[in-house]
């Protein structure tokens, strides 16, 4: 279980929360689930270590979901891809909400099923 970073400031927690929340842009704009958090992370990663951790965790998860969605799209040809895509969308929403709550508490949430692209 992730431990809170020692005394995370209110501003840092807000930026962590914003990074996770920005991923919901993907439900409106193509690639927004990666571009939203990426923009906030790039702006705040040097200013807040907590935002840096949240950004890496969020981007790794969103990139992992893109890989899983691509595989699921291919699996539509044999009939299971639609169910997998629905499960991925549900996982995305639930985990992102959990990450937002954890960020507001000063905890850098580690998403499940994540490939570590950014270390």
PDB file of N, CA and C in Angstrom:
ATOM      1  N   UNK A   1       0.846  -1.176   0.000  1.00  0.00           N
ATOM      2  CA  UNK A   1       0.000   0.000   0.000  1.00  0.00           C
ATOM      3  C   UNK A   1       0.887   1.233   0.000  1.00  0.00           C
ATOM      4  N   UNK A   2       0.535   2.202  -0.800  1.00  0.00           N
ATOM      5  CA  UNK A   2       1.329   3.422  -0.911  1.00  0.00           C
ATOM      6  C   UNK A   2       1.212   4.241   0.371  1.00  0.00           C
ATOM      7  N   UNK A   3       2.325   4.749   0.811  1.00  0.00           N
ATOM      8  CA  UNK A   3       2.359   5.592   1.991  1.00  0.00           C
ATOM      9  C   UNK A   3       2.307   7.053   1.565  1.00  0.00           C
ATOM     10  N   UNK A   4       1.705   7.903   2.377  1.00  0.00           N
ATOM     11  CA  UNK A   4       1.683   9.318   2.025  1.00  0.00           C
ATOM     12  C   UNK A   4       3.100   9.891   2.064  1.00  0.00           C
ATOM     13  N   UNK A   5       3.375  10.781   1.137  1.00  0.00           N
ATOM     14  CA  UNK A   5       4.647  11.483   1.150  1.00  0.00           C
ATOM     15  C   UNK A   5       4.614  12.411   2.356  1.00  0.00           C
ATOM     16  N   UNK A   6       5.732  12.512   3.056  1.00  0.00           N
ATOM     17  CA  UNK A   6       5.749  13.295   4.289  1.00  0.00           C
ATOM     18  C   UNK A   6       5.226  14.708   4.046  1.00  0.00           C
ATOM     19  N   UNK A   7       4.157  15.015   4.760  1.00  0.00           N
ATOM     20  CA  UNK A   7       3.590  16.366   4.750  1.00  0.00           C
ATOM     21  C   UNK A   7       3.410  16.946   3.346  1.00  0.00           C
ATOM     22  N   UNK A   8       2.516  16.374   2.593  1.00  0.00           N
ATOM     23  CA  UNK A   8       2.219  16.871   1.254  1.00  0.00           C
ATOM     24  C   UNK A   8       1.368  18.132   1.400  1.00  0.00           C
ATOM     25  N   UNK A   9       1.806  19.203   0.752  1.00  0.00           N
ATOM     26  CA  UNK A   9       1.082  20.470   0.865  1.00  0.00           C
ATOM     27  C   UNK A   9      -0.270  20.392   0.155  1.00  0.00           C
ATOM     28  N   UNK A  10      -1.146  21.289   0.510  1.00  0.00           N
ATOM     29  CA  UNK A  10      -2.474  21.352  -0.110  1.00  0.00           C
ATOM     30  C   UNK A  10      -2.359  21.590  -1.612  1.00  0.00           C
ATOM     31  N   UNK A  11      -1.428  22.459  -2.010  1.00  0.00           N
ATOM     32  CA  UNK A  11      -1.229  22.732  -3.443  1.00  0.00           C
ATOM     33  C   UNK A  11      -0.767  21.481  -4.179  1.00  0.00           C
ATOM     34  N   UNK A  12       0.158  20.739  -3.584  1.00  0.00           N
ATOM     35  CA  UNK A  12       0.665  19.523  -4.218  1.00  0.00           C
ATOM     36  C   UNK A  12      -0.444  18.480  -4.337  1.00  0.00           C
ATOM     37  N   UNK A  13      -1.262  18.337  -3.295  1.00  0.00           N
ATOM     38  CA  UNK A  13      -2.382  17.398  -3.359  1.00  0.00           C
ATOM     39  C   UNK A  13      -3.378  17.812  -4.437  1.00  0.00           C
ATOM     40  N   UNK A  14      -3.635  19.115  -4.546  1.00  0.00           N
ATOM     41  CA  UNK A  14      -4.548  19.605  -5.576  1.00  0.00           C
ATOM     42  C   UNK A  14      -4.012  19.318  -6.978  1.00  0.00           C
ATOM     43  N   UNK A  15      -2.707  19.466  -7.159  1.00  0.00           N
ATOM     44  CA  UNK A  15      -2.115  19.183  -8.469  1.00  0.00           C
ATOM     45  C   UNK A  15      -2.172  17.690  -8.775  1.00  0.00           C
ATOM     46  N   UNK A  16      -1.941  16.855  -7.770  1.00  0.00           N
ATOM     47  CA  UNK A  16      -2.074  15.412  -7.965  1.00  0.00           C
ATOM     48  C   UNK A  16      -3.496  15.040  -8.356  1.00  0.00           C
ATOM     49  N   UNK A  17      -4.452  15.626  -7.674  1.00  0.00           N
ATOM     50  CA  UNK A  17      -5.856  15.390  -7.980  1.00  0.00           C
ATOM     51  C   UNK A  17      -6.186  15.857  -9.398  1.00  0.00           C
ATOM     52  N   UNK A  18      -5.673  17.015  -9.780  1.00  0.00           N
ATOM     53  CA  UNK A  18      -5.924  17.556 -11.121  1.00  0.00           C
ATOM     54  C   UNK A  18      -5.328  16.657 -12.206  1.00  0.00           C
ATOM     55  N   UNK A  19      -4.162  16.103 -11.941  1.00  0.00           N
ATOM     56  CA  UNK A  19      -3.541  15.201 -12.919  1.00  0.00           C
ATOM     57  C   UNK A  19      -4.456  14.011 -13.185  1.00  0.00           C
ATOM     58  N   UNK A  20      -4.945  13.395 -12.122  1.00  0.00           N
ATOM     59  CA  UNK A  20      -5.831  12.236 -12.294  1.00  0.00           C
ATOM     60  C   UNK A  20      -7.152  12.650 -12.948  1.00  0.00           C
ATOM     61  N   UNK A  21      -7.717  13.767 -12.522  1.00  0.00           N
ATOM     62  CA  UNK A  21      -8.992  14.227 -13.071  1.00  0.00           C
ATOM     63  C   UNK A  21      -8.868  14.601 -14.553  1.00  0.00           C
ATOM     64  N   UNK A  22      -7.703  15.097 -14.951  1.00  0.00           N
ATOM     65  CA  UNK A  22      -7.499  15.508 -16.341  1.00  0.00           C
ATOM     66  C   UNK A  22      -7.605  14.327 -17.301  1.00  0.00           C
ATOM     67  N   UNK A  23      -7.462  13.117 -16.788  1.00  0.00           N
ATOM     68  CA  UNK A  23      -7.554  11.953 -17.672  1.00  0.00           C
ATOM     69  C   UNK A  23      -8.978  11.725 -18.175  1.00  0.00           C
ATOM     70  N   UNK A  24      -9.974  12.303 -17.510  1.00  0.00           N
ATOM     71  CA  UNK A  24     -11.352  12.165 -17.980  1.00  0.00           C
ATOM     72  C   UNK A  24     -11.596  12.951 -19.271  1.00  0.00           C
ATOM     73  N   UNK A  25     -10.665  13.784 -19.660  1.00  0.00           N
ATOM     74  CA  UNK A  25     -10.762  14.502 -20.937  1.00  0.00           C
ATOM     75  C   UNK A  25     -10.819  13.498 -22.092  1.00  0.00           C
ATOM     76  N   UNK A  26     -10.259  12.308 -21.863  1.00  0.00           N
ATOM     77  CA  UNK A  26     -10.260  11.269 -22.894  1.00  0.00           C
ATOM     78  C   UNK A  26     -11.641  10.793 -23.288  1.00  0.00           C
ATOM     79  N   UNK A  27     -12.627  11.038 -22.456  1.00  0.00           N
ATOM     80  CA  UNK A  27     -13.996  10.651 -22.805  1.00  0.00           C
ATOM     81  C   UNK A  27     -14.658  11.698 -23.697  1.00  0.00           C
ATOM     82  N   UNK A  28     -13.962  12.816 -23.923  1.00  0.00           N
ATOM     83  CA  UNK A  28     -14.477  13.873 -24.792  1.00  0.00           C
ATOM     84  C   UNK A  28     -13.625  14.019 -26.050  1.00  0.00           C
ATOM     85  N   UNK A  29     -12.298  13.967 -25.890  1.00  0.00           N
ATOM     86  CA  UNK A  29     -11.364  14.157 -26.996  1.00  0.00           C
ATOM     87  C   UNK A  29     -10.483  12.920 -27.168  1.00  0.00           C
ATOM     88  N   UNK A  30     -10.227  12.509 -28.403  1.00  0.00           N
ATOM     89  CA  UNK A  30      -9.319  11.383 -28.628  1.00  0.00           C
ATOM     90  C   UNK A  30      -7.939  11.676 -28.025  1.00  0.00           C
ATOM     91  N   UNK A  31      -7.364  10.692 -27.398  1.00  0.00           N
ATOM     92  CA  UNK A  31      -6.061  10.762 -26.724  1.00  0.00           C
ATOM     93  C   UNK A  31      -6.034  11.729 -25.541  1.00  0.00           C
ATOM     94  N   UNK A  32      -7.188  12.263 -25.168  1.00  0.00           N
ATOM     95  CA  UNK A  32      -7.253  13.193 -24.048  1.00  0.00           C
ATOM     96  C   UNK A  32      -6.909  12.552 -22.720  1.00  0.00           C
ATOM     97  N   UNK A  33      -7.115  11.237 -22.612  1.00  0.00           N
ATOM     98  CA  UNK A  33      -6.805  10.565 -21.354  1.00  0.00           C
ATOM     99  C   UNK A  33      -5.307  10.527 -21.090  1.00  0.00           C
ATOM    100  N   UNK A  34      -4.520  10.703 -22.123  1.00  0.00           N
ATOM    101  CA  UNK A  34      -3.062  10.784 -21.954  1.00  0.00           C
ATOM    102  C   UNK A  34      -2.609  12.244 -22.010  1.00  0.00           C
ATOM    103  N   UNK A  35      -3.155  12.997 -22.938  1.00  0.00           N
ATOM    104  CA  UNK A  35      -2.707  14.386 -23.111  1.00  0.00           C
ATOM    105  C   UNK A  35      -3.078  15.285 -21.940  1.00  0.00           C
ATOM    106  N   UNK A  36      -4.264  15.095 -21.360  1.00  0.00           N
ATOM    107  CA  UNK A  36      -4.676  15.911 -20.214  1.00  0.00           C
ATOM    108  C   UNK A  36      -3.702  15.789 -19.049  1.00  0.00           C
ATOM    109  N   UNK A  37      -3.480  14.554 -18.542  1.00  0.00           N
ATOM    110  CA  UNK A  37      -2.527  14.400 -17.437  1.00  0.00           C
ATOM    111  C   UNK A  37      -1.103  14.783 -17.822  1.00  0.00           C
ATOM    112  N   UNK A  38      -0.736  14.517 -19.076  1.00  0.00           N
ATOM    113  CA  UNK A  38       0.617  14.841 -19.530  1.00  0.00           C
ATOM    114  C   UNK A  38       0.890  16.334 -19.447  1.00  0.00           C
ATOM    115  N   UNK A  39      -0.053  17.141 -19.871  1.00  0.00           N
ATOM    116  CA  UNK A  39       0.122  18.598 -19.843  1.00  0.00           C
ATOM    117  C   UNK A  39       0.270  19.102 -18.412  1.00  0.00           C
ATOM    118  N   UNK A  40      -0.607  18.639 -17.523  1.00  0.00           N
ATOM    119  CA  UNK A  40      -0.529  19.081 -16.117  1.00  0.00           C
ATOM    120  C   UNK A  40       0.761  18.581 -15.488  1.00  0.00           C
ATOM    121  N   UNK A  41       1.114  17.327 -15.745  1.00  0.00           N
ATOM    122  CA  UNK A  41       2.332  16.751 -15.179  1.00  0.00           C
ATOM    123  C   UNK A  41       3.572  17.511 -15.636  1.00  0.00           C
ATOM    124  N   UNK A  42       3.661  17.806 -16.925  1.00  0.00           N
ATOM    125  CA  UNK A  42       4.828  18.530 -17.438  1.00  0.00           C
ATOM    126  C   UNK A  42       4.943  19.927 -16.837  1.00  0.00           C
ATOM    127  N   UNK A  43       3.804  20.545 -16.537  1.00  0.00           N
ATOM    128  CA  UNK A  43       3.831  21.891 -15.956  1.00  0.00           C
ATOM    129  C   UNK A  43       4.219  21.873 -14.483  1.00  0.00           C
ATOM    130  N   UNK A  44       3.878  20.812 -13.749  1.00  0.00           N
ATOM    131  CA  UNK A  44       4.027  20.816 -12.289  1.00  0.00           C
ATOM    132  C   UNK A  44       5.014  19.794 -11.727  1.00  0.00           C
ATOM    133  N   UNK A  45       5.616  18.963 -12.565  1.00  0.00           N
ATOM    134  CA  UNK A  45       6.476  17.891 -12.042  1.00  0.00           C
ATOM    135  C   UNK A  45       7.715  18.404 -11.324  1.00  0.00           C
ATOM    136  N   UNK A  46       8.264  19.534 -11.755  1.00  0.00           N
ATOM    137  CA  UNK A  46       9.455  20.080 -11.106  1.00  0.00           C
ATOM    138  C   UNK A  46       9.103  20.873  -9.849  1.00  0.00           C
ATOM    139  N   UNK A  47       7.879  21.343  -9.787  1.00  0.00           N
ATOM    140  CA  UNK A  47       7.454  22.166  -8.656  1.00  0.00           C
ATOM    141  C   UNK A  47       7.025  21.321  -7.456  1.00  0.00           C
ATOM    142  N   UNK A  48       6.368  20.179  -7.721  1.00  0.00           N
ATOM    143  CA  UNK A  48       5.859  19.336  -6.647  1.00  0.00           C
ATOM    144  C   UNK A  48       6.260  17.881  -6.906  1.00  0.00           C
ATOM    145  N   UNK A  49       7.004  17.286  -5.981  1.00  0.00           N
ATOM    146  CA  UNK A  49       7.389  15.874  -6.115  1.00  0.00           C
ATOM    147  C   UNK A  49       6.150  14.976  -6.108  1.00  0.00           C
ATOM    148  N   UNK A  50       5.150  15.342  -5.324  1.00  0.00           N
ATOM    149  CA  UNK A  50       3.919  14.557  -5.280  1.00  0.00           C
ATOM    150  C   UNK A  50       3.224  14.559  -6.642  1.00  0.00           C
ATOM    151  N   UNK A  51       3.179  15.700  -7.294  1.00  0.00           N
ATOM    152  CA  UNK A  51       2.579  15.792  -8.635  1.00  0.00           C
ATOM    153  C   UNK A  51       3.393  14.966  -9.634  1.00  0.00           C
ATOM    154  N   UNK A  52       4.702  14.929  -9.449  1.00  0.00           N
ATOM    155  CA  UNK A  52       5.563  14.129 -10.317  1.00  0.00           C
ATOM    156  C   UNK A  52       5.207  12.645 -10.185  1.00  0.00           C
ATOM    157  N   UNK A  53       5.055  12.176  -8.951  1.00  0.00           N
ATOM    158  CA  UNK A  53       4.685  10.775  -8.728  1.00  0.00           C
ATOM    159  C   UNK A  53       3.301  10.468  -9.278  1.00  0.00           C
ATOM    160  N   UNK A  54       2.344  11.338  -9.003  1.00  0.00           N
ATOM    161  CA  UNK A  54       0.981  11.128  -9.496  1.00  0.00           C
ATOM    162  C   UNK A  54       0.955  11.113 -11.021  1.00  0.00           C
ATOM    163  N   UNK A  55       1.695  12.006 -11.630  1.00  0.00           N
ATOM    164  CA  UNK A  55       1.740  12.073 -13.091  1.00  0.00           C
ATOM    165  C   UNK A  55       2.307  10.812 -13.709  1.00  0.00           C
ATOM    166  N   UNK A  56       3.396  10.317 -13.157  1.00  0.00           N
ATOM    167  CA  UNK A  56       3.989   9.079 -13.680  1.00  0.00           C
ATOM    168  C   UNK A  56       3.029   7.913 -13.517  1.00  0.00           C
ATOM    169  N   UNK A  57       2.418   7.799 -12.334  1.00  0.00           N
ATOM    170  CA  UNK A  57       1.478   6.704 -12.094  1.00  0.00           C
ATOM    171  C   UNK A  57       0.289   6.777 -13.046  1.00  0.00           C
ATOM    172  N   UNK A  58      -0.256   7.965 -13.210  1.00  0.00           N
ATOM    173  CA  UNK A  58      -1.424   8.149 -14.075  1.00  0.00           C
ATOM    174  C   UNK A  58      -1.078   7.859 -15.536  1.00  0.00           C
ATOM    175  N   UNK A  59       0.015   8.415 -16.004  1.00  0.00           N
ATOM    176  CA  UNK A  59       0.403   8.213 -17.407  1.00  0.00           C
ATOM    177  C   UNK A  59       0.736   6.755 -17.693  1.00  0.00           C
ATOM    178  N   UNK A  60       1.414   6.090 -16.778  1.00  0.00           N
ATOM    179  CA  UNK A  60       1.705   4.670 -16.966  1.00  0.00           C
ATOM    180  C   UNK A  60       0.418   3.870 -17.088  1.00  0.00           C
ATOM    181  N   UNK A  61      -0.564   4.185 -16.245  1.00  0.00           N
ATOM    182  CA  UNK A  61      -1.831   3.466 -16.291  1.00  0.00           C
ATOM    183  C   UNK A  61      -2.573   3.756 -17.595  1.00  0.00           C
ATOM    184  N   UNK A  62      -2.639   5.003 -17.988  1.00  0.00           N
ATOM    185  CA  UNK A  62      -3.383   5.359 -19.200  1.00  0.00           C
ATOM    186  C   UNK A  62      -2.717   4.771 -20.445  1.00  0.00           C
ATOM    187  N   UNK A  63      -1.387   4.759 -20.485  1.00  0.00           N
ATOM    188  CA  UNK A  63      -0.692   4.143 -21.618  1.00  0.00           C
ATOM    189  C   UNK A  63      -0.913   2.630 -21.615  1.00  0.00           C
ATOM    190  N   UNK A  64      -0.912   2.026 -20.440  1.00  0.00           N
ATOM    191  CA  UNK A  64      -1.192   0.592 -20.327  1.00  0.00           C
ATOM    192  C   UNK A  64      -2.602   0.292 -20.840  1.00  0.00           C
ATOM    193  N   UNK A  65      -3.563   1.127 -20.453  1.00  0.00           N
ATOM    194  CA  UNK A  65      -4.930   0.925 -20.926  1.00  0.00           C
ATOM    195  C   UNK A  65      -5.017   1.029 -22.445  1.00  0.00           C
ATOM    196  N   UNK A  66      -4.234   1.922 -23.027  1.00  0.00           N
ATOM    197  CA  UNK A  66      -4.239   2.044 -24.489  1.00  0.00           C
ATOM    198  C   UNK A  66      -3.738   0.749 -25.134  1.00  0.00           C
ATOM    199  N   UNK A  67      -2.704   0.153 -24.560  1.00  0.00           N
ATOM    200  CA  UNK A  67      -2.189  -1.121 -25.079  1.00  0.00           C
ATOM    201  C   UNK A  67      -3.249  -2.201 -24.935  1.00  0.00           C
ATOM    202  N   UNK A  68      -3.879  -2.276 -23.752  1.00  0.00           N
ATOM    203  CA  UNK A  68      -4.916  -3.282 -23.522  1.00  0.00           C
ATOM    204  C   UNK A  68      -6.113  -3.063 -24.440  1.00  0.00           C
ATOM    205  N   UNK A  69      -6.461  -1.809 -24.698  1.00  0.00           N
ATOM    206  CA  UNK A  69      -7.588  -1.505 -25.589  1.00  0.00           C
ATOM    207  C   UNK A  69      -7.270  -1.913 -27.024  1.00  0.00           C
ATOM    208  N   UNK A  70      -6.034  -1.721 -27.431  1.00  0.00           N
ATOM    209  CA  UNK A  70      -5.634  -2.133 -28.780  1.00  0.00           C
ATOM    210  C   UNK A  70      -5.754  -3.650 -28.929  1.00  0.00           C
ATOM    211  N   UNK A  71      -5.283  -4.380 -27.927  1.00  0.00           N
ATOM    212  CA  UNK A  71      -5.403  -5.841 -27.953  1.00  0.00           C
ATOM    213  C   UNK A  71      -6.883  -6.242 -27.941  1.00  0.00           C
ATOM    214  N   UNK A  72      -7.678  -5.570 -27.131  1.00  0.00           N
ATOM    215  CA  UNK A  72      -9.112  -5.873 -27.067  1.00  0.00           C
ATOM    216  C   UNK A  72      -9.800  -5.583 -28.398  1.00  0.00           C
ATOM    217  N   UNK A  73      -9.385  -4.515 -29.058  1.00  0.00           N
ATOM    218  CA  UNK A  73      -9.973  -4.183 -30.362  1.00  0.00           C
ATOM    219  C   UNK A  73      -9.687  -5.291 -31.374  1.00  0.00           C
ATOM    220  N   UNK A  74      -8.503  -5.854 -31.311  1.00  0.00           N
ATOM    221  CA  UNK A  74      -8.170  -6.969 -32.205  1.00  0.00           C
ATOM    222  C   UNK A  74      -9.004  -8.198 -31.850  1.00  0.00           C
ATOM    223  N   UNK A  75      -9.227  -8.399 -30.544  1.00  0.00           N
ATOM    224  CA  UNK A  75      -9.994  -9.561 -30.091  1.00  0.00           C
ATOM    225  C   UNK A  75     -11.490  -9.445 -30.385  1.00  0.00           C
ATOM    226  N   UNK A  76     -11.928  -8.300 -30.870  1.00  0.00           N
ATOM    227  CA  UNK A  76     -13.329  -8.164 -31.292  1.00  0.00           C
ATOM    228  C   UNK A  76     -13.625  -9.162 -32.411  1.00  0.00           C
ATOM    229  N   UNK A  77     -12.604  -9.470 -33.197  1.00  0.00           N
ATOM    230  CA  UNK A  77     -12.781 -10.410 -34.304  1.00  0.00           C
ATOM    231  C   UNK A  77     -13.214 -11.793 -33.829  1.00  0.00           C
ATOM    232  N   UNK A  78     -12.848 -12.172 -32.608  1.00  0.00           N
ATOM    233  CA  UNK A  78     -13.276 -13.485 -32.113  1.00  0.00           C
ATOM    234  C   UNK A  78     -14.386 -13.368 -31.069  1.00  0.00           C
ATOM    235  N   UNK A  79     -14.874 -12.144 -30.853  1.00  0.00           N
ATOM    236  CA  UNK A  79     -16.067 -11.967 -30.039  1.00  0.00           C
ATOM    237  C   UNK A  79     -15.878 -11.536 -28.598  1.00  0.00           C
ATOM    238  N   UNK A  80     -14.693 -11.618 -28.046  1.00  0.00           N
ATOM    239  CA  UNK A  80     -14.518 -11.254 -26.635  1.00  0.00           C
ATOM    240  C   UNK A  80     -14.041  -9.819 -26.448  1.00  0.00           C
ATOM    241  N   UNK A  81     -13.644  -9.187 -27.508  1.00  0.00           N
ATOM    242  CA  UNK A  81     -13.081  -7.842 -27.415  1.00  0.00           C
ATOM    243  C   UNK A  81     -14.041  -6.805 -26.877  1.00  0.00           C
ATOM    244  N   UNK A  82     -15.300  -6.908 -27.218  1.00  0.00           N
ATOM    245  CA  UNK A  82     -16.286  -5.922 -26.753  1.00  0.00           C
ATOM    246  C   UNK A  82     -16.412  -5.983 -25.232  1.00  0.00           C
ATOM    247  N   UNK A  83     -16.464  -7.184 -24.687  1.00  0.00           N
ATOM    248  CA  UNK A  83     -16.544  -7.340 -23.233  1.00  0.00           C
ATOM    249  C   UNK A  83     -15.278  -6.801 -22.555  1.00  0.00           C
ATOM    250  N   UNK A  84     -14.137  -7.068 -23.150  1.00  0.00           N
ATOM    251  CA  UNK A  84     -12.881  -6.576 -22.583  1.00  0.00           C
ATOM    252  C   UNK A  84     -12.819  -5.047 -22.624  1.00  0.00           C
ATOM    253  N   UNK A  85     -13.279  -4.457 -23.706  1.00  0.00           N
ATOM    254  CA  UNK A  85     -13.290  -2.990 -23.801  1.00  0.00           C
ATOM    255  C   UNK A  85     -14.204  -2.379 -22.745  1.00  0.00           C
ATOM    256  N   UNK A  86     -15.346  -2.992 -22.527  1.00  0.00           N
ATOM    257  CA  UNK A  86     -16.267  -2.507 -21.494  1.00  0.00           C
ATOM    258  C   UNK A  86     -15.638  -2.632 -20.108  1.00  0.00           C
ATOM    259  N   UNK A  87     -14.967  -3.748 -19.862  1.00  0.00           N
ATOM    260  CA  UNK A  87     -14.305  -3.955 -18.569  1.00  0.00           C
ATOM    261  C   UNK A  87     -13.170  -2.942 -18.377  1.00  0.00           C
ATOM    262  N   UNK A  88     -12.446  -2.638 -19.441  1.00  0.00           N
ATOM    263  CA  UNK A  88     -11.365  -1.649 -19.359  1.00  0.00           C
ATOM    264  C   UNK A  88     -11.912  -0.254 -19.054  1.00  0.00           C
ATOM    265  N   UNK A  89     -13.030   0.091 -19.678  1.00  0.00           N
ATOM    266  CA  UNK A  89     -13.637   1.402 -19.415  1.00  0.00           C
ATOM    267  C   UNK A  89     -14.083   1.506 -17.965  1.00  0.00           C
ATOM    268  N   UNK A  90     -14.672   0.459 -17.451  1.00  0.00           N
ATOM    269  CA  UNK A  90     -15.109   0.440 -16.052  1.00  0.00           C
ATOM    270  C   UNK A  90     -13.913   0.511 -15.103  1.00  0.00           C
ATOM    271  N   UNK A  91     -12.871  -0.259 -15.395  1.00  0.00           N
ATOM    272  CA  UNK A  91     -11.642  -0.227 -14.600  1.00  0.00           C
ATOM    273  C   UNK A  91     -11.033   1.169 -14.602  1.00  0.00           C
ATOM    274  N   UNK A  92     -11.031   1.811 -15.759  1.00  0.00           N
ATOM    275  CA  UNK A  92     -10.486   3.162 -15.888  1.00  0.00           C
ATOM    276  C   UNK A  92     -11.234   4.138 -14.988  1.00  0.00           C
ATOM    277  N   UNK A  93     -12.538   4.133 -15.059  1.00  0.00           N
ATOM    278  CA  UNK A  93     -13.335   5.073 -14.274  1.00  0.00           C
ATOM    279  C   UNK A  93     -13.162   4.834 -12.775  1.00  0.00           C
ATOM    280  N   UNK A  94     -13.283   3.583 -12.360  1.00  0.00           N
ATOM    281  CA  UNK A  94     -13.178   3.262 -10.928  1.00  0.00           C
ATOM    282  C   UNK A  94     -11.797   3.600 -10.383  1.00  0.00           C
ATOM    283  N   UNK A  95     -10.756   3.165 -11.082  1.00  0.00           N
ATOM    284  CA  UNK A  95      -9.392   3.398 -10.592  1.00  0.00           C
ATOM    285  C   UNK A  95      -9.034   4.884 -10.592  1.00  0.00           C
ATOM    286  N   UNK A  96      -9.513   5.626 -11.566  1.00  0.00           N
ATOM    287  CA  UNK A  96      -9.217   7.056 -11.615  1.00  0.00           C
ATOM    288  C   UNK A  96      -9.901   7.779 -10.453  1.00  0.00           C
ATOM    289  N   UNK A  97     -11.121   7.401 -10.137  1.00  0.00           N
ATOM    290  CA  UNK A  97     -11.805   8.015  -8.997  1.00  0.00           C
ATOM    291  C   UNK A  97     -11.077   7.676  -7.700  1.00  0.00           C
ATOM    292  N   UNK A  98     -10.646   6.428  -7.549  1.00  0.00           N
ATOM    293  CA  UNK A  98      -9.878   6.036  -6.358  1.00  0.00           C
ATOM    294  C   UNK A  98      -8.588   6.847  -6.281  1.00  0.00           C
ATOM    295  N   UNK A  99      -7.904   7.006  -7.411  1.00  0.00           N
ATOM    296  CA  UNK A  99      -6.647   7.774  -7.441  1.00  0.00           C
ATOM    297  C   UNK A  99      -6.879   9.229  -7.054  1.00  0.00           C
ATOM    298  N   UNK A 100      -8.006   9.795  -7.484  1.00  0.00           N
ATOM    299  CA  UNK A 100      -8.324  11.182  -7.129  1.00  0.00           C
ATOM    300  C   UNK A 100      -8.539  11.315  -5.621  1.00  0.00           C
ATOM    301  N   UNK A 101      -9.257  10.375  -5.042  1.00  0.00           N
ATOM    302  CA  UNK A 101      -9.500  10.409  -3.594  1.00  0.00           C
ATOM    303  C   UNK A 101      -8.186  10.249  -2.839  1.00  0.00           C
ATOM    304  N   UNK A 102      -7.357   9.305  -3.271  1.00  0.00           N
ATOM    305  CA  UNK A 102      -6.060   9.084  -2.617  1.00  0.00           C
ATOM    306  C   UNK A 102      -5.174  10.319  -2.738  1.00  0.00           C
ATOM    307  N   UNK A 103      -5.170  10.956  -3.913  1.00  0.00           N
ATOM    308  CA  UNK A 103      -4.348  12.160  -4.106  1.00  0.00           C
ATOM    309  C   UNK A 103      -4.803  13.272  -3.178  1.00  0.00           C
ATOM    310  N   UNK A 104      -6.101  13.395  -2.962  1.00  0.00           N
ATOM    311  CA  UNK A 104      -6.582  14.436  -2.055  1.00  0.00           C
ATOM    312  C   UNK A 104      -6.168  14.143  -0.615  1.00  0.00           C
ATOM    313  N   UNK A 105      -5.851  12.872  -0.321  1.00  0.00           N
ATOM    314  CA  UNK A 105      -5.358  12.481   1.003  1.00  0.00           C
ATOM    315  C   UNK A 105      -3.832  12.521   1.087  1.00  0.00           C
ATOM    316  N   UNK A 106      -3.167  12.841  -0.020  1.00  0.00           N
ATOM    317  CA  UNK A 106      -1.705  12.912  -0.029  1.00  0.00           C
ATOM    318  C   UNK A 106      -1.026  11.587  -0.285  1.00  0.00           C
ATOM    319  N   UNK A 107      -1.742  10.647  -0.903  1.00  0.00           N
ATOM    320  CA  UNK A 107      -1.178   9.330  -1.217  1.00  0.00           C
ATOM    321  C   UNK A 107      -1.082   9.184  -2.731  1.00  0.00           C
ATOM    322  N   UNK A 108       0.105   8.810  -3.213  1.00  0.00           N
ATOM    323  CA  UNK A 108       0.312   8.578  -4.643  1.00  0.00           C
ATOM    324  C   UNK A 108      -0.176   7.166  -4.964  1.00  0.00           C
ATOM    325  N   UNK A 109      -1.343   7.067  -5.565  1.00  0.00           N
ATOM    326  CA  UNK A 109      -2.001   5.785  -5.836  1.00  0.00           C
ATOM    327  C   UNK A 109      -1.271   5.003  -6.915  1.00  0.00           C
ATOM    328  N   UNK A 110      -1.043   3.720  -6.639  1.00  0.00           N
ATOM    329  CA  UNK A 110      -0.454   2.818  -7.627  1.00  0.00           C
ATOM    330  C   UNK A 110      -1.597   2.073  -8.320  1.00  0.00           C
ATOM    331  N   UNK A 111      -1.841   2.389  -9.570  1.00  0.00           N
ATOM    332  CA  UNK A 111      -2.912   1.747 -10.333  1.00  0.00           C
ATOM    333  C   UNK A 111      -2.602   0.262 -10.547  1.00  0.00           C
ATOM    334  N   UNK A 112      -3.646  -0.578 -10.603  1.00  0.00           N
ATOM    335  CA  UNK A 112      -3.416  -2.000 -10.899  1.00  0.00           C
ATOM    336  C   UNK A 112      -3.168  -2.210 -12.396  1.00  0.00           C
ATOM    337  N   UNK A 113      -2.588  -3.345 -12.739  1.00  0.00           N
ATOM    338  CA  UNK A 113      -2.373  -3.767 -14.133  1.00  0.00           C
ATOM    339  C   UNK A 113      -1.559  -2.746 -14.940  1.00  0.00           C
ATOM    340  N   UNK A 114      -0.614  -2.078 -14.299  1.00  0.00           N
ATOM    341  CA  UNK A 114       0.124  -1.008 -14.947  1.00  0.00           C
ATOM    342  C   UNK A 114       1.473  -1.488 -15.460  1.00  0.00           C
ATOM    343  N   UNK A 115       1.760  -1.162 -16.689  1.00  0.00           N
ATOM    344  CA  UNK A 115       3.095  -1.364 -17.266  1.00  0.00           C
ATOM    345  C   UNK A 115       3.897  -0.101 -16.954  1.00  0.00           C
ATOM    346  N   UNK A 116       5.094  -0.251 -16.430  1.00  0.00           N
ATOM    347  CA  UNK A 116       5.900   0.917 -16.028  1.00  0.00           C
ATOM    348  C   UNK A 116       6.671   1.468 -17.241  1.00  0.00           C
ATOM    349  N   UNK A 117       6.047   2.377 -17.982  1.00  0.00           N
ATOM    350  CA  UNK A 117       6.718   3.040 -19.098  1.00  0.00           C
ATOM    351  C   UNK A 117       7.626   4.146 -18.578  1.00  0.00           C
ATOM    352  N   UNK A 118       7.127   4.925 -17.635  1.00  0.00           N
ATOM    353  CA  UNK A 118       7.883   6.016 -17.016  1.00  0.00           C
ATOM    354  C   UNK A 118       8.312   5.569 -15.624  1.00  0.00           C
ATOM    355  N   UNK A 119       9.573   5.717 -15.318  1.00  0.00           N
ATOM    356  CA  UNK A 119      10.058   5.278 -14.008  1.00  0.00           C
ATOM    357  C   UNK A 119      10.418   6.451 -13.146  1.00  0.00           C
TER     358      UNK A 119
END
